[in-house]
Amino acid sequence: MSTPKIKATVEEMVTPYLEENGFELVDVEYVKEGSNWFLRVFVDKTGGIDIDDCGRISEYLSERLDKNDPIPSAYFLEVSSPGAERPLKKAEDVLGAVGKDVFITTYEPVDGLKEFEGRLLSFTDDELVVEAGKKSHAIPYSKVASARLAIIF
């Protein structure tokens, strides 16, 4: 099974449980590091997620994975918080980050830059406006390669 198919299958397995229990699925990764495969599930909730939450989700997902066995090789399952620099994967995530500090990378230069770190001023379906330094940049959403919250010192 391909990596995108594994990710989609895991998302399908865990999302109903997460939604029923007030959690949000932030991301799923299935990656090889050295000789080991890792299935990482990043989850959040209002007020933050704790180790007990991660343990319950891990136990639920582990049972489902054992039963359905969608991953042919051995792997390590990790369930955790996305952290302070949470990725902004969906448009709803970006909208929720308006007014916060973000780090954005683009597929091609916008205003001569491919990286933007600053305050997200606004977001519409087709454009983000980021204030970086003393300048605002209008970034087409279609050109965003990655986005995450940022901690700016």
N, C-alpha and C. Protein backbone atom coordinates (compact mmCIF):
# COMPACT_ATOMS: atom_id res chain seq x y z
N MET A 1 0.84 -1.17 0.00
CA MET A 1 0.00 0.00 0.00
C MET A 1 0.89 1.24 0.00
N SER A 2 0.55 2.24 -0.80
CA SER A 2 1.35 3.46 -0.92
C SER A 2 1.21 4.33 0.34
N THR A 3 2.19 5.20 0.54
CA THR A 3 2.17 6.10 1.70
C THR A 3 0.91 6.96 1.72
N PRO A 4 0.51 7.61 0.59
CA PRO A 4 -0.73 8.40 0.64
C PRO A 4 -1.96 7.55 0.99
N LYS A 5 -2.01 6.31 0.52
CA LYS A 5 -3.14 5.43 0.81
C LYS A 5 -3.15 5.05 2.29
N ILE A 6 -1.97 4.79 2.86
CA ILE A 6 -1.87 4.46 4.28
C ILE A 6 -2.35 5.65 5.11
N LYS A 7 -1.88 6.85 4.76
CA LYS A 7 -2.30 8.05 5.50
C LYS A 7 -3.82 8.22 5.44
N ALA A 8 -4.39 8.06 4.25
CA ALA A 8 -5.84 8.21 4.08
C ALA A 8 -6.60 7.16 4.89
N THR A 9 -6.11 5.92 4.89
CA THR A 9 -6.75 4.84 5.64
C THR A 9 -6.72 5.12 7.14
N VAL A 10 -5.58 5.59 7.64
CA VAL A 10 -5.45 5.90 9.07
C VAL A 10 -6.38 7.07 9.43
N GLU A 11 -6.41 8.09 8.58
CA GLU A 11 -7.31 9.22 8.83
C GLU A 11 -8.76 8.74 8.93
N GLU A 12 -9.15 7.87 8.01
CA GLU A 12 -10.51 7.34 7.99
C GLU A 12 -10.81 6.53 9.26
N MET A 13 -9.82 5.79 9.73
CA MET A 13 -10.01 4.97 10.94
C MET A 13 -10.16 5.80 12.20
N VAL A 14 -9.36 6.84 12.33
CA VAL A 14 -9.28 7.55 13.60
C VAL A 14 -10.20 8.77 13.69
N THR A 15 -10.58 9.37 12.58
CA THR A 15 -11.36 10.60 12.61
C THR A 15 -12.69 10.48 13.37
N PRO A 16 -13.50 9.44 13.14
CA PRO A 16 -14.77 9.37 13.90
C PRO A 16 -14.54 9.34 15.42
N TYR A 17 -13.55 8.59 15.88
CA TYR A 17 -13.25 8.52 17.32
C TYR A 17 -12.84 9.90 17.83
N LEU A 18 -11.98 10.58 17.06
CA LEU A 18 -11.50 11.89 17.49
C LEU A 18 -12.65 12.89 17.59
N GLU A 19 -13.49 12.91 16.57
CA GLU A 19 -14.61 13.85 16.56
C GLU A 19 -15.58 13.57 17.70
N GLU A 20 -15.85 12.30 17.98
CA GLU A 20 -16.75 11.93 19.08
C GLU A 20 -16.22 12.37 20.44
N ASN A 21 -14.91 12.49 20.54
CA ASN A 21 -14.29 12.80 21.83
C ASN A 21 -13.70 14.20 21.91
N GLY A 22 -14.06 15.06 20.96
CA GLY A 22 -13.66 16.46 21.03
C GLY A 22 -12.25 16.77 20.57
N PHE A 23 -11.65 15.86 19.80
CA PHE A 23 -10.30 16.09 19.29
C PHE A 23 -10.34 16.48 17.82
N GLU A 24 -9.24 17.02 17.36
CA GLU A 24 -9.08 17.39 15.96
C GLU A 24 -7.85 16.70 15.40
N LEU A 25 -8.00 16.04 14.26
CA LEU A 25 -6.86 15.45 13.58
C LEU A 25 -6.12 16.56 12.84
N VAL A 26 -4.86 16.76 13.19
CA VAL A 26 -4.06 17.81 12.56
C VAL A 26 -3.30 17.26 11.36
N ASP A 27 -2.68 16.08 11.53
CA ASP A 27 -1.89 15.52 10.44
C ASP A 27 -1.58 14.05 10.73
N VAL A 28 -1.29 13.32 9.66
CA VAL A 28 -0.81 11.94 9.75
C VAL A 28 0.45 11.86 8.89
N GLU A 29 1.49 11.28 9.44
CA GLU A 29 2.74 11.05 8.70
C GLU A 29 3.05 9.56 8.71
N TYR A 30 3.53 9.06 7.59
CA TYR A 30 4.06 7.70 7.54
C TYR A 30 5.41 7.83 6.86
N VAL A 31 6.48 7.76 7.65
CA VAL A 31 7.82 8.06 7.14
C VAL A 31 8.83 7.00 7.57
N LYS A 32 9.84 6.86 6.75
CA LYS A 32 10.95 5.96 7.08
C LYS A 32 12.11 6.81 7.57
N GLU A 33 12.63 6.44 8.74
CA GLU A 33 13.79 7.12 9.31
C GLU A 33 14.81 6.05 9.63
N GLY A 34 15.92 6.08 8.91
CA GLY A 34 16.89 5.00 9.04
C GLY A 34 16.26 3.73 8.53
N SER A 35 16.30 2.69 9.32
CA SER A 35 15.71 1.41 8.90
C SER A 35 14.29 1.21 9.45
N ASN A 36 13.77 2.21 10.18
CA ASN A 36 12.47 2.07 10.83
C ASN A 36 11.39 2.93 10.18
N TRP A 37 10.17 2.40 10.17
CA TRP A 37 9.00 3.14 9.71
C TRP A 37 8.26 3.69 10.91
N PHE A 38 7.73 4.93 10.78
CA PHE A 38 6.98 5.58 11.85
C PHE A 38 5.64 6.05 11.31
N LEU A 39 4.59 5.72 12.04
CA LEU A 39 3.26 6.25 11.76
C LEU A 39 3.00 7.26 12.87
N ARG A 40 2.95 8.53 12.49
CA ARG A 40 2.76 9.60 13.47
C ARG A 40 1.40 10.26 13.24
N VAL A 41 0.66 10.37 14.31
CA VAL A 41 -0.66 10.98 14.27
C VAL A 41 -0.63 12.20 15.20
N PHE A 42 -0.88 13.37 14.63
CA PHE A 42 -0.85 14.61 15.39
C PHE A 42 -2.29 15.06 15.66
N VAL A 43 -2.60 15.25 16.94
CA VAL A 43 -3.96 15.52 17.38
C VAL A 43 -3.96 16.72 18.31
N ASP A 44 -5.05 17.49 18.28
CA ASP A 44 -5.17 18.63 19.18
C ASP A 44 -6.61 18.75 19.65
N LYS A 45 -6.84 19.61 20.62
CA LYS A 45 -8.19 19.94 21.08
C LYS A 45 -8.12 21.32 21.73
N THR A 46 -9.26 21.91 21.91
CA THR A 46 -9.33 23.20 22.58
C THR A 46 -8.73 23.06 23.97
N GLY A 47 -7.81 23.93 24.30
CA GLY A 47 -7.15 23.86 25.60
C GLY A 47 -5.91 22.99 25.60
N GLY A 48 -5.65 22.31 24.48
CA GLY A 48 -4.45 21.48 24.36
C GLY A 48 -4.70 20.02 24.70
N ILE A 49 -3.78 19.21 24.30
CA ILE A 49 -3.86 17.76 24.47
C ILE A 49 -2.80 17.34 25.49
N ASP A 50 -3.10 16.33 26.30
CA ASP A 50 -2.12 15.87 27.28
C ASP A 50 -1.73 14.42 27.01
N ILE A 51 -0.84 13.90 27.81
CA ILE A 51 -0.29 12.56 27.59
C ILE A 51 -1.37 11.48 27.76
N ASP A 52 -2.32 11.71 28.66
CA ASP A 52 -3.41 10.73 28.82
C ASP A 52 -4.28 10.67 27.57
N ASP A 53 -4.55 11.85 26.98
CA ASP A 53 -5.30 11.88 25.72
C ASP A 53 -4.56 11.10 24.64
N CYS A 54 -3.27 11.34 24.53
CA CYS A 54 -2.46 10.64 23.52
C CYS A 54 -2.49 9.13 23.75
N GLY A 55 -2.43 8.72 25.01
CA GLY A 55 -2.46 7.30 25.34
C GLY A 55 -3.78 6.64 24.93
N ARG A 56 -4.90 7.32 25.20
CA ARG A 56 -6.21 6.77 24.84
C ARG A 56 -6.36 6.67 23.32
N ILE A 57 -5.93 7.70 22.63
CA ILE A 57 -6.03 7.69 21.16
C ILE A 57 -5.13 6.62 20.58
N SER A 58 -3.93 6.49 21.12
CA SER A 58 -2.98 5.48 20.65
C SER A 58 -3.54 4.07 20.84
N GLU A 59 -4.13 3.84 22.00
CA GLU A 59 -4.71 2.52 22.29
C GLU A 59 -5.86 2.21 21.31
N TYR A 60 -6.74 3.18 21.11
CA TYR A 60 -7.85 2.99 20.18
C TYR A 60 -7.33 2.70 18.77
N LEU A 61 -6.42 3.53 18.31
CA LEU A 61 -5.91 3.38 16.95
C LEU A 61 -5.11 2.09 16.79
N SER A 62 -4.34 1.73 17.78
CA SER A 62 -3.55 0.49 17.72
C SER A 62 -4.46 -0.73 17.55
N GLU A 63 -5.56 -0.76 18.30
CA GLU A 63 -6.51 -1.87 18.17
C GLU A 63 -7.12 -1.92 16.76
N ARG A 64 -7.47 -0.76 16.23
CA ARG A 64 -8.05 -0.70 14.88
C ARG A 64 -7.03 -1.12 13.83
N LEU A 65 -5.79 -0.69 13.99
CA LEU A 65 -4.74 -1.04 13.03
C LEU A 65 -4.44 -2.54 13.09
N ASP A 66 -4.42 -3.10 14.29
CA ASP A 66 -4.18 -4.55 14.43
C ASP A 66 -5.30 -5.35 13.77
N LYS A 67 -6.52 -4.88 13.93
CA LYS A 67 -7.68 -5.58 13.38
C LYS A 67 -7.71 -5.51 11.84
N ASN A 68 -7.48 -4.33 11.29
CA ASN A 68 -7.59 -4.14 9.84
C ASN A 68 -6.27 -4.36 9.09
N ASP A 69 -5.15 -4.20 9.78
CA ASP A 69 -3.81 -4.47 9.25
C ASP A 69 -3.53 -3.83 7.88
N PRO A 70 -3.67 -2.49 7.76
CA PRO A 70 -3.45 -1.85 6.46
C PRO A 70 -1.98 -1.60 6.12
N ILE A 71 -1.10 -1.80 7.10
CA ILE A 71 0.32 -1.51 6.88
C ILE A 71 1.09 -2.83 6.90
N PRO A 72 1.69 -3.19 5.75
CA PRO A 72 2.31 -4.51 5.63
C PRO A 72 3.60 -4.71 6.42
N SER A 73 4.34 -3.64 6.69
CA SER A 73 5.62 -3.80 7.38
C SER A 73 5.52 -3.35 8.83
N ALA A 74 6.55 -3.64 9.60
CA ALA A 74 6.60 -3.22 11.00
C ALA A 74 6.79 -1.71 11.07
N TYR A 75 6.20 -1.08 12.09
CA TYR A 75 6.31 0.36 12.24
C TYR A 75 6.10 0.72 13.70
N PHE A 76 6.47 1.94 14.05
CA PHE A 76 6.22 2.48 15.39
C PHE A 76 5.08 3.47 15.29
N LEU A 77 4.09 3.35 16.18
CA LEU A 77 2.97 4.28 16.22
C LEU A 77 3.26 5.34 17.28
N GLU A 78 3.12 6.60 16.87
CA GLU A 78 3.30 7.73 17.80
C GLU A 78 2.08 8.64 17.67
N VAL A 79 1.46 8.96 18.78
CA VAL A 79 0.36 9.92 18.81
C VAL A 79 0.82 11.08 19.69
N SER A 80 0.73 12.30 19.15
CA SER A 80 1.21 13.45 19.91
C SER A 80 0.52 14.75 19.49
N SER A 81 0.82 15.76 20.25
CA SER A 81 0.38 17.12 19.95
C SER A 81 1.19 17.63 18.77
N PRO A 82 0.62 18.53 17.97
CA PRO A 82 1.40 19.11 16.88
C PRO A 82 2.44 20.11 17.36
N GLY A 83 2.37 20.51 18.63
CA GLY A 83 3.34 21.42 19.19
C GLY A 83 2.97 22.88 18.97
N ALA A 84 3.81 23.76 19.50
CA ALA A 84 3.54 25.20 19.44
C ALA A 84 3.60 25.73 18.01
N GLU A 85 4.41 25.11 17.18
CA GLU A 85 4.51 25.53 15.78
C GLU A 85 3.70 24.59 14.90
N ARG A 86 2.45 24.48 15.25
CA ARG A 86 1.50 23.59 14.60
C ARG A 86 1.40 23.86 13.09
N PRO A 87 1.41 22.81 12.28
CA PRO A 87 1.21 23.01 10.84
C PRO A 87 -0.23 23.46 10.56
N LEU A 88 -0.37 24.26 9.53
CA LEU A 88 -1.69 24.73 9.10
C LEU A 88 -1.98 24.04 7.78
N LYS A 89 -2.60 22.88 7.86
CA LYS A 89 -2.79 22.01 6.70
C LYS A 89 -4.01 22.36 5.86
N LYS A 90 -5.08 22.81 6.51
CA LYS A 90 -6.33 23.06 5.82
C LYS A 90 -6.64 24.55 5.83
N ALA A 91 -7.50 24.96 4.91
CA ALA A 91 -7.90 26.36 4.85
C ALA A 91 -8.48 26.81 6.19
N GLU A 92 -9.24 25.93 6.87
CA GLU A 92 -9.82 26.27 8.17
C GLU A 92 -8.73 26.55 9.20
N ASP A 93 -7.61 25.81 9.11
CA ASP A 93 -6.50 26.03 10.03
C ASP A 93 -5.90 27.41 9.82
N VAL A 94 -5.74 27.78 8.54
CA VAL A 94 -5.16 29.10 8.21
C VAL A 94 -6.10 30.20 8.69
N LEU A 95 -7.39 30.04 8.46
CA LEU A 95 -8.37 31.03 8.91
C LEU A 95 -8.31 31.21 10.43
N GLY A 96 -8.14 30.11 11.14
CA GLY A 96 -8.04 30.17 12.59
C GLY A 96 -6.76 30.81 13.09
N ALA A 97 -5.78 30.97 12.21
CA ALA A 97 -4.50 31.56 12.60
C ALA A 97 -4.43 33.06 12.33
N VAL A 98 -5.49 33.64 11.78
CA VAL A 98 -5.49 35.08 11.53
C VAL A 98 -5.24 35.80 12.86
N GLY A 99 -4.29 36.75 12.82
CA GLY A 99 -3.91 37.48 14.02
C GLY A 99 -2.75 36.88 14.77
N LYS A 100 -2.29 35.71 14.31
CA LYS A 100 -1.18 35.02 14.97
C LYS A 100 0.07 35.08 14.10
N ASP A 101 1.21 34.73 14.70
CA ASP A 101 2.47 34.67 13.96
C ASP A 101 2.54 33.36 13.19
N VAL A 102 2.98 33.46 11.92
CA VAL A 102 3.04 32.29 11.05
C VAL A 102 4.36 32.27 10.27
N PHE A 103 4.67 31.10 9.75
CA PHE A 103 5.80 30.93 8.83
C PHE A 103 5.23 30.26 7.59
N ILE A 104 5.37 30.92 6.45
CA ILE A 104 4.80 30.45 5.19
C ILE A 104 5.92 30.25 4.18
N THR A 105 5.90 29.15 3.45
CA THR A 105 6.79 28.97 2.31
C THR A 105 5.92 28.83 1.07
N THR A 106 6.48 29.28 -0.07
CA THR A 106 5.71 29.24 -1.32
C THR A 106 6.45 28.42 -2.37
N TYR A 107 5.67 27.93 -3.34
CA TYR A 107 6.23 27.16 -4.44
C TYR A 107 7.08 28.02 -5.37
N GLU A 108 6.71 29.27 -5.47
CA GLU A 108 7.45 30.20 -6.33
C GLU A 108 7.47 31.55 -5.64
N PRO A 109 8.43 32.41 -6.01
CA PRO A 109 8.56 33.70 -5.31
C PRO A 109 7.31 34.58 -5.41
N VAL A 110 7.04 35.25 -4.31
CA VAL A 110 6.01 36.28 -4.22
C VAL A 110 6.73 37.51 -3.67
N ASP A 111 6.65 38.61 -4.35
CA ASP A 111 7.40 39.82 -3.96
C ASP A 111 8.90 39.50 -3.83
N GLY A 112 9.37 38.55 -4.66
CA GLY A 112 10.78 38.19 -4.65
C GLY A 112 11.21 37.25 -3.54
N LEU A 113 10.27 36.78 -2.73
CA LEU A 113 10.58 35.91 -1.59
C LEU A 113 9.82 34.59 -1.69
N LYS A 114 10.38 33.55 -1.04
CA LYS A 114 9.69 32.26 -0.96
C LYS A 114 9.42 31.86 0.49
N GLU A 115 9.87 32.69 1.45
CA GLU A 115 9.62 32.45 2.87
C GLU A 115 9.13 33.73 3.51
N PHE A 116 8.09 33.59 4.34
CA PHE A 116 7.50 34.73 5.00
C PHE A 116 7.25 34.38 6.46
N GLU A 117 7.77 35.20 7.36
CA GLU A 117 7.52 34.99 8.79
C GLU A 117 7.01 36.29 9.36
N GLY A 118 5.83 36.22 9.94
CA GLY A 118 5.24 37.43 10.51
C GLY A 118 3.80 37.19 10.91
N ARG A 119 3.06 38.27 11.09
CA ARG A 119 1.68 38.21 11.54
C ARG A 119 0.75 37.97 10.35
N LEU A 120 -0.13 36.97 10.49
CA LEU A 120 -1.14 36.72 9.46
C LEU A 120 -2.26 37.73 9.68
N LEU A 121 -2.39 38.68 8.76
CA LEU A 121 -3.37 39.75 8.91
C LEU A 121 -4.76 39.34 8.44
N SER A 122 -4.81 38.56 7.35
CA SER A 122 -6.11 38.14 6.83
C SER A 122 -5.95 36.91 5.94
N PHE A 123 -7.09 36.26 5.71
CA PHE A 123 -7.11 35.10 4.81
C PHE A 123 -8.48 35.01 4.16
N THR A 124 -8.47 34.90 2.84
CA THR A 124 -9.68 34.62 2.08
C THR A 124 -9.43 33.31 1.35
N ASP A 125 -10.39 32.86 0.58
CA ASP A 125 -10.24 31.59 -0.14
C ASP A 125 -9.04 31.57 -1.08
N ASP A 126 -8.61 32.73 -1.52
CA ASP A 126 -7.54 32.72 -2.51
C ASP A 126 -6.31 33.54 -2.14
N GLU A 127 -6.27 34.13 -0.91
CA GLU A 127 -5.12 34.97 -0.59
C GLU A 127 -4.90 35.10 0.91
N LEU A 128 -3.61 35.06 1.30
CA LEU A 128 -3.19 35.34 2.67
C LEU A 128 -2.47 36.67 2.65
N VAL A 129 -2.63 37.45 3.69
CA VAL A 129 -1.85 38.68 3.82
C VAL A 129 -1.02 38.54 5.09
N VAL A 130 0.31 38.58 4.90
CA VAL A 130 1.25 38.42 6.01
C VAL A 130 2.05 39.70 6.16
N GLU A 131 2.11 40.22 7.38
CA GLU A 131 2.94 41.38 7.68
C GLU A 131 4.28 40.87 8.20
N ALA A 132 5.30 41.03 7.38
CA ALA A 132 6.66 40.60 7.74
C ALA A 132 7.52 41.84 7.85
N GLY A 133 7.99 42.12 9.04
CA GLY A 133 8.72 43.37 9.24
C GLY A 133 7.74 44.52 9.13
N LYS A 134 8.06 45.47 8.27
CA LYS A 134 7.19 46.63 8.09
C LYS A 134 6.43 46.57 6.78
N LYS A 135 6.45 45.40 6.13
CA LYS A 135 5.81 45.27 4.83
C LYS A 135 4.76 44.16 4.86
N SER A 136 3.65 44.39 4.17
CA SER A 136 2.62 43.37 4.03
C SER A 136 2.76 42.69 2.69
N HIS A 137 2.58 41.38 2.68
CA HIS A 137 2.69 40.59 1.45
C HIS A 137 1.37 39.86 1.21
N ALA A 138 0.81 40.03 0.02
CA ALA A 138 -0.38 39.30 -0.39
C ALA A 138 0.08 38.04 -1.10
N ILE A 139 -0.20 36.89 -0.52
CA ILE A 139 0.29 35.61 -1.03
C ILE A 139 -0.89 34.80 -1.56
N PRO A 140 -0.90 34.46 -2.85
CA PRO A 140 -1.98 33.61 -3.37
C PRO A 140 -1.95 32.26 -2.64
N TYR A 141 -3.12 31.81 -2.17
CA TYR A 141 -3.19 30.55 -1.42
C TYR A 141 -2.72 29.38 -2.29
N SER A 142 -2.92 29.46 -3.59
CA SER A 142 -2.49 28.40 -4.50
C SER A 142 -0.98 28.27 -4.57
N LYS A 143 -0.25 29.27 -4.12
CA LYS A 143 1.22 29.23 -4.16
C LYS A 143 1.84 28.81 -2.83
N VAL A 144 1.01 28.57 -1.80
CA VAL A 144 1.53 28.19 -0.49
C VAL A 144 1.98 26.73 -0.51
N ALA A 145 3.26 26.51 -0.23
CA ALA A 145 3.80 25.15 -0.15
C ALA A 145 3.59 24.58 1.25
N SER A 146 3.84 25.39 2.27
CA SER A 146 3.61 24.96 3.64
C SER A 146 3.32 26.18 4.51
N ALA A 147 2.60 25.92 5.59
CA ALA A 147 2.25 26.98 6.54
C ALA A 147 2.22 26.37 7.92
N ARG A 148 2.69 27.15 8.89
CA ARG A 148 2.64 26.70 10.28
C ARG A 148 2.61 27.92 11.18
N LEU A 149 2.16 27.70 12.41
CA LEU A 149 2.28 28.75 13.41
C LEU A 149 3.76 28.96 13.70
N ALA A 150 4.12 30.15 14.13
CA ALA A 150 5.53 30.44 14.41
C ALA A 150 5.67 31.09 15.77
N ILE A 151 6.78 30.84 16.40
CA ILE A 151 7.15 31.54 17.62
C ILE A 151 8.25 32.49 17.22
N ILE A 152 7.95 33.77 17.28
CA ILE A 152 8.91 34.78 16.86
C ILE A 152 9.46 35.47 18.09
N PHE A 153 10.78 35.45 18.21
CA PHE A 153 11.45 36.06 19.38
C PHE A 153 11.85 37.47 19.07
